[in-house]
Structure formats: C-alpha cells, structure tokens
Amino acid sequence: MPRVRSYNSPMREEKARETHEAILCALFELMDSASAEDEISMEAIAQKAGVQRRTVFRHFATKDDLLAAFWPWLNARIGASTMPRIPKDVVDGPRLAFPRFDMHEAAIRSSLHSRTGREMRMGTVASRRANFRRALAPAISSLQPAEAEKVEALAHLLFSASAWEILKDYGGLTGVQAGETASWALEVILSAVTPGHSPAEATNQRDKP
C-alpha cells in the first residue's frame, strides 16, 4: 500500500504564525484608524485580517485571549517595554516609550478610551503590578508597606499611556518632552525614598554640573 504523504509541518506552522500575526495586525489597524470604533468586533477583525471568523477563534479562543495577547504584541511592535526588571527600567521607561507613542497616537488613544482598549488594558493590570513591584523592590525595600504602595502607584501612573496623554493635552508637551518630564519625576521620587536622600537633595542633584 502506498504511503500517504503527510502535510509539511513546518509550512503549516509558518502559515499558522502568519495568520496569527495577521489577526493581531488587523486589530492594530482598526485601533490605529482615525475612526476607530468604541468596540471592535471579532467579525470586524476577521474581515480586516482577510480570514473567516472561525479562524480567529482557532487562534484565540475568546476575545479576552486576543486582547491579552495584543497589548504585549503592540508594545513589542512599537518598541515600548512595559516589563521593567530593575528600578532604572522604571525611571527610563517614559523617556523611551512616550516618543514611540507619538508614532502610533491613534492606537494609543484608542487603547485609553475605546471599550476594546479598556478591556485590553484592564486585563494586564495584575501582571503589570507584579512586574513593577519586583522591579521597584530594591529601591523601596526600606519603606513601610503603605509608603511603598504609594511609590508603586505613582510609578504606574507616570509610566503609562495616561500620563503621556495628559502631559501632551494639558501640558502642551511633545512625546519626547512628556517622556523626559515623567522620567524626571520618577527620578526625584525614587531618589527621595532612598536612604540618605531627601526630596530637596534629589531635585538639586540634577542641577549640579
């Protein structure tokens, strides 16, 4: 009996990766549109990706799964890491990320204000808090829990798309300026809570030649 030829597994895997990427790109393009919908449906994503709706569900069992995969994919695409490992990563985060947010302004604003974007971001809150807590631990280990919590909360705020938007819209800053401002504020805060430093000393330190 002749042997039945099996499918070329590497080719199938490559096709699956291409489809996976096409689905994520479709969601990005829909969010990056000037007329982005408040809630982006799976049907719209499938149509934009050029695949059947059932194909989307083969790659992402639920919309929550798709949104959970999208945020890290988007950050990787624009080169903005939201997974700091050490205090310096937290401080440098806005300086590096905010100019890149300017390059994809519609998508970032959609992630803040559309229903789809809010669902996406809220799904990452728990892991984001855990990452920030681990990264900041060396800098805030001497603080009381309540004080450490305040520093963590401020770090979350300053290293966020929300801070980028507020500094641009209310402060009249560019993404570059907003990033420098937020990073400077984080430097001051972390210097102030480091043993042997005061807020005044942390501020004055930047003015020294």
Protein backbone atom coordinates (compact mmCIF):
# COMPACT_ATOMS: atom_id res chain seq x y z
CA MET A 1 0.00 0.00 0.00
CA PRO A 2 1.50 3.41 -0.93
CA ARG A 3 2.36 5.64 1.99
CA VAL A 4 0.14 8.66 2.46
CA ARG A 5 2.19 11.84 2.37
CA SER A 6 1.77 13.91 5.48
CA TYR A 7 1.36 17.66 5.44
CA ASN A 8 4.56 19.64 5.56
CA SER A 9 4.51 20.54 9.26
CA PRO A 10 6.96 23.46 9.04
CA MET A 11 4.87 25.01 6.26
CA ARG A 12 1.69 24.61 8.27
CA GLU A 13 3.35 26.14 11.32
CA GLU A 14 4.57 29.08 9.25
CA LYS A 15 1.09 29.59 7.82
CA ALA A 16 -0.37 29.50 11.34
CA ARG A 17 2.16 32.12 12.50
CA GLU A 18 1.31 34.32 9.54
CA THR A 19 -2.41 34.08 10.30
CA HIS A 20 -1.80 34.75 13.99
CA GLU A 21 0.19 37.86 13.09
CA ALA A 22 -2.41 38.97 10.54
CA ILE A 23 -5.14 38.87 13.19
CA LEU A 24 -3.10 40.98 15.62
CA CYS A 25 -2.18 43.40 12.82
CA ALA A 26 -5.85 43.70 11.89
CA LEU A 27 -6.80 44.71 15.43
CA PHE A 28 -3.94 47.19 15.49
CA GLU A 29 -5.01 48.77 12.19
CA LEU A 30 -8.59 49.06 13.40
CA MET A 31 -7.44 50.74 16.61
CA ASP A 32 -4.98 52.96 14.75
CA SER A 33 -7.72 54.27 12.48
CA ALA A 34 -8.90 57.82 12.97
CA SER A 35 -12.46 56.46 13.04
CA ALA A 36 -11.77 53.61 15.45
CA GLU A 37 -14.95 52.02 16.82
CA ASP A 38 -15.63 52.05 20.56
CA GLU A 39 -15.99 48.27 20.49
CA ILE A 40 -14.18 46.35 17.78
CA SER A 41 -15.96 43.11 16.99
CA MET A 42 -14.38 39.78 16.16
CA GLU A 43 -16.20 39.95 12.83
CA ALA A 44 -14.50 43.26 12.01
CA ILE A 45 -11.11 41.85 12.99
CA ALA A 46 -11.65 38.76 10.83
CA GLN A 47 -12.71 40.86 7.85
CA LYS A 48 -9.71 43.16 8.23
CA ALA A 49 -7.36 40.17 8.51
CA GLY A 50 -8.91 38.52 5.46
CA VAL A 51 -9.89 35.34 7.31
CA GLN A 52 -13.07 33.66 8.46
CA ARG A 53 -14.44 34.46 11.92
CA ARG A 54 -13.95 30.85 12.97
CA THR A 55 -10.27 31.16 12.03
CA VAL A 56 -9.86 33.96 14.55
CA PHE A 57 -11.35 31.73 17.23
CA ARG A 58 -8.99 28.90 16.30
CA HIS A 59 -6.10 31.19 17.19
CA PHE A 60 -7.77 32.99 20.11
CA ALA A 61 -10.48 31.02 21.92
CA THR A 62 -12.10 34.18 23.27
CA LYS A 63 -11.85 37.91 22.69
CA ASP A 64 -10.24 38.20 26.12
CA ASP A 65 -7.48 35.87 24.91
CA LEU A 66 -6.96 38.06 21.85
CA LEU A 67 -6.81 41.23 23.91
CA ALA A 68 -4.40 39.62 26.39
CA ALA A 69 -2.05 38.76 23.52
CA PHE A 70 -2.45 42.13 21.81
CA TRP A 71 -1.03 44.52 24.43
CA PRO A 72 2.42 42.87 24.72
CA TRP A 73 2.42 42.43 20.93
CA LEU A 74 1.69 46.14 20.45
CA ASN A 75 4.39 47.20 22.90
CA ALA A 76 6.90 44.94 21.16
CA ARG A 77 5.85 46.35 17.78
CA ILE A 78 6.43 49.96 18.82
CA GLY A 79 9.47 49.12 20.94
CA ALA A 80 7.96 50.17 24.27
CA SER A 81 8.62 47.66 27.03
CA THR A 82 6.17 47.60 29.93
CA MET A 83 8.00 44.86 31.83
CA PRO A 84 10.66 46.65 33.91
CA ARG A 85 13.15 44.44 35.74
CA ILE A 86 15.09 46.96 37.83
CA PRO A 87 14.38 50.50 39.14
CA LYS A 88 16.32 52.06 36.26
CA ASP A 89 13.92 50.41 33.79
CA VAL A 90 11.01 52.13 35.54
CA VAL A 91 12.75 55.51 35.51
CA ASP A 92 13.82 55.25 31.87
CA GLY A 93 10.50 53.80 30.72
CA PRO A 94 8.61 57.03 29.89
CA ARG A 95 11.69 58.58 28.27
CA LEU A 96 11.89 55.62 25.88
CA ALA A 97 8.20 54.85 25.40
CA PHE A 98 6.43 58.20 25.09
CA PRO A 99 8.11 59.32 21.83
CA ARG A 100 7.10 55.96 20.34
CA PHE A 101 3.52 56.52 21.50
CA ASP A 102 3.52 59.66 19.34
CA MET A 103 4.23 57.50 16.30
CA HIS A 104 1.05 55.47 16.91
CA GLU A 105 -1.08 58.11 18.55
CA ALA A 106 -4.47 56.93 17.31
CA ALA A 107 -3.91 53.37 18.54
CA ILE A 108 -2.65 54.52 21.94
CA ARG A 109 -5.57 56.89 22.42
CA SER A 110 -7.95 54.15 21.32
CA SER A 111 -6.42 51.86 23.94
CA LEU A 112 -7.27 54.51 26.55
CA HIS A 113 -10.77 55.47 25.50
CA SER A 114 -12.43 52.73 23.46
CA ARG A 115 -14.25 49.89 25.14
CA THR A 116 -11.99 47.38 23.39
CA GLY A 117 -8.89 49.25 24.56
CA ARG A 118 -10.08 49.50 28.15
CA GLU A 119 -10.83 45.78 28.24
CA MET A 120 -7.38 45.09 26.86
CA ARG A 121 -5.57 47.26 29.41
CA MET A 122 -7.57 46.08 32.41
CA GLY A 123 -6.65 42.52 31.55
CA THR A 124 -2.97 43.38 32.05
CA VAL A 125 -3.28 45.21 35.38
CA ALA A 126 -2.43 42.27 37.66
CA SER A 127 0.70 41.25 35.77
CA ARG A 128 1.77 44.89 35.38
CA ARG A 129 1.53 45.46 39.13
CA ALA A 130 3.57 42.34 39.80
CA ASN A 131 6.27 43.43 37.33
CA PHE A 132 6.51 46.93 38.78
CA ARG A 133 6.60 45.60 42.34
CA ARG A 134 9.52 43.30 41.55
CA ALA A 135 11.39 45.99 39.61
CA LEU A 136 10.99 48.63 42.33
CA ALA A 137 11.73 46.30 45.25
CA PRO A 138 15.45 47.22 45.57
CA ALA A 139 14.59 50.94 45.74
CA ILE A 140 11.68 50.78 48.19
CA SER A 141 12.61 47.83 50.41
CA SER A 142 13.25 50.14 53.39
CA LEU A 143 9.81 51.75 53.22
CA GLN A 144 6.76 50.87 55.25
CA PRO A 145 4.21 48.90 53.18
CA ALA A 146 1.83 51.86 52.92
CA GLU A 147 4.61 54.14 51.67
CA ALA A 148 5.90 51.52 49.24
CA GLU A 149 2.38 51.19 47.87
CA LYS A 150 2.25 54.94 47.20
CA VAL A 151 5.53 54.85 45.29
CA GLU A 152 4.37 51.88 43.24
CA ALA A 153 1.11 53.67 42.41
CA LEU A 154 2.96 56.80 41.29
CA ALA A 155 5.29 54.70 39.14
CA HIS A 156 2.29 53.08 37.48
CA LEU A 157 0.79 56.49 36.79
CA LEU A 158 3.92 58.19 35.47
CA PHE A 159 4.97 55.25 33.28
CA SER A 160 1.64 54.92 31.48
CA ALA A 161 -0.15 55.94 28.32
CA SER A 162 -2.48 58.00 30.52
CA ALA A 163 0.45 60.15 31.71
CA TRP A 164 1.65 60.52 28.11
CA GLU A 165 -1.78 61.76 27.04
CA ILE A 166 -2.28 64.16 29.96
CA LEU A 167 1.17 65.70 29.61
CA LYS A 168 0.53 66.22 25.89
CA ASP A 169 -3.03 67.50 26.12
CA TYR A 170 -2.86 69.51 29.34
CA GLY A 171 0.84 70.31 29.46
CA GLY A 172 1.22 71.05 25.75
CA LEU A 173 4.28 68.78 25.56
CA THR A 174 5.53 66.57 22.77
CA GLY A 175 6.01 62.87 23.38
CA VAL A 176 9.74 63.45 23.84
CA GLN A 177 9.14 66.24 26.36
CA ALA A 178 6.44 64.23 28.14
CA GLY A 179 8.80 61.27 28.44
CA GLU A 180 11.60 63.42 29.86
CA THR A 181 9.19 65.00 32.33
CA ALA A 182 7.75 61.73 33.59
CA SER A 183 11.19 60.12 33.86
CA TRP A 184 12.49 63.16 35.76
CA ALA A 185 9.57 62.90 38.20
CA LEU A 186 10.32 59.21 38.75
CA GLU A 187 13.98 60.02 39.38
CA VAL A 188 13.01 62.58 42.01
CA ILE A 189 10.56 60.22 43.72
CA LEU A 190 12.92 57.25 43.87
CA SER A 191 15.84 59.42 44.99
CA ALA A 192 13.67 60.89 47.72
CA VAL A 193 12.81 57.49 49.20
CA THR A 194 16.36 56.18 49.01
CA PRO A 195 18.01 56.13 52.45
CA GLY A 196 20.21 59.18 52.95
CA HIS A 197 18.43 61.37 50.43
CA SER A 198 15.73 63.99 50.76
CA PRO A 199 13.38 65.33 48.08
CA ALA A 200 15.30 68.62 48.03
CA GLU A 201 18.62 66.82 47.61
CA ALA A 202 17.20 64.71 44.81
CA THR A 203 15.99 67.79 42.98
CA ASN A 204 19.21 69.74 43.50
CA GLN A 205 21.34 66.81 42.37
CA ARG A 206 20.17 67.27 38.78
CA ASP A 207 21.29 70.91 38.78
CA LYS A 208 24.88 70.12 39.68
CA PRO A 209 27.40 70.32 36.83
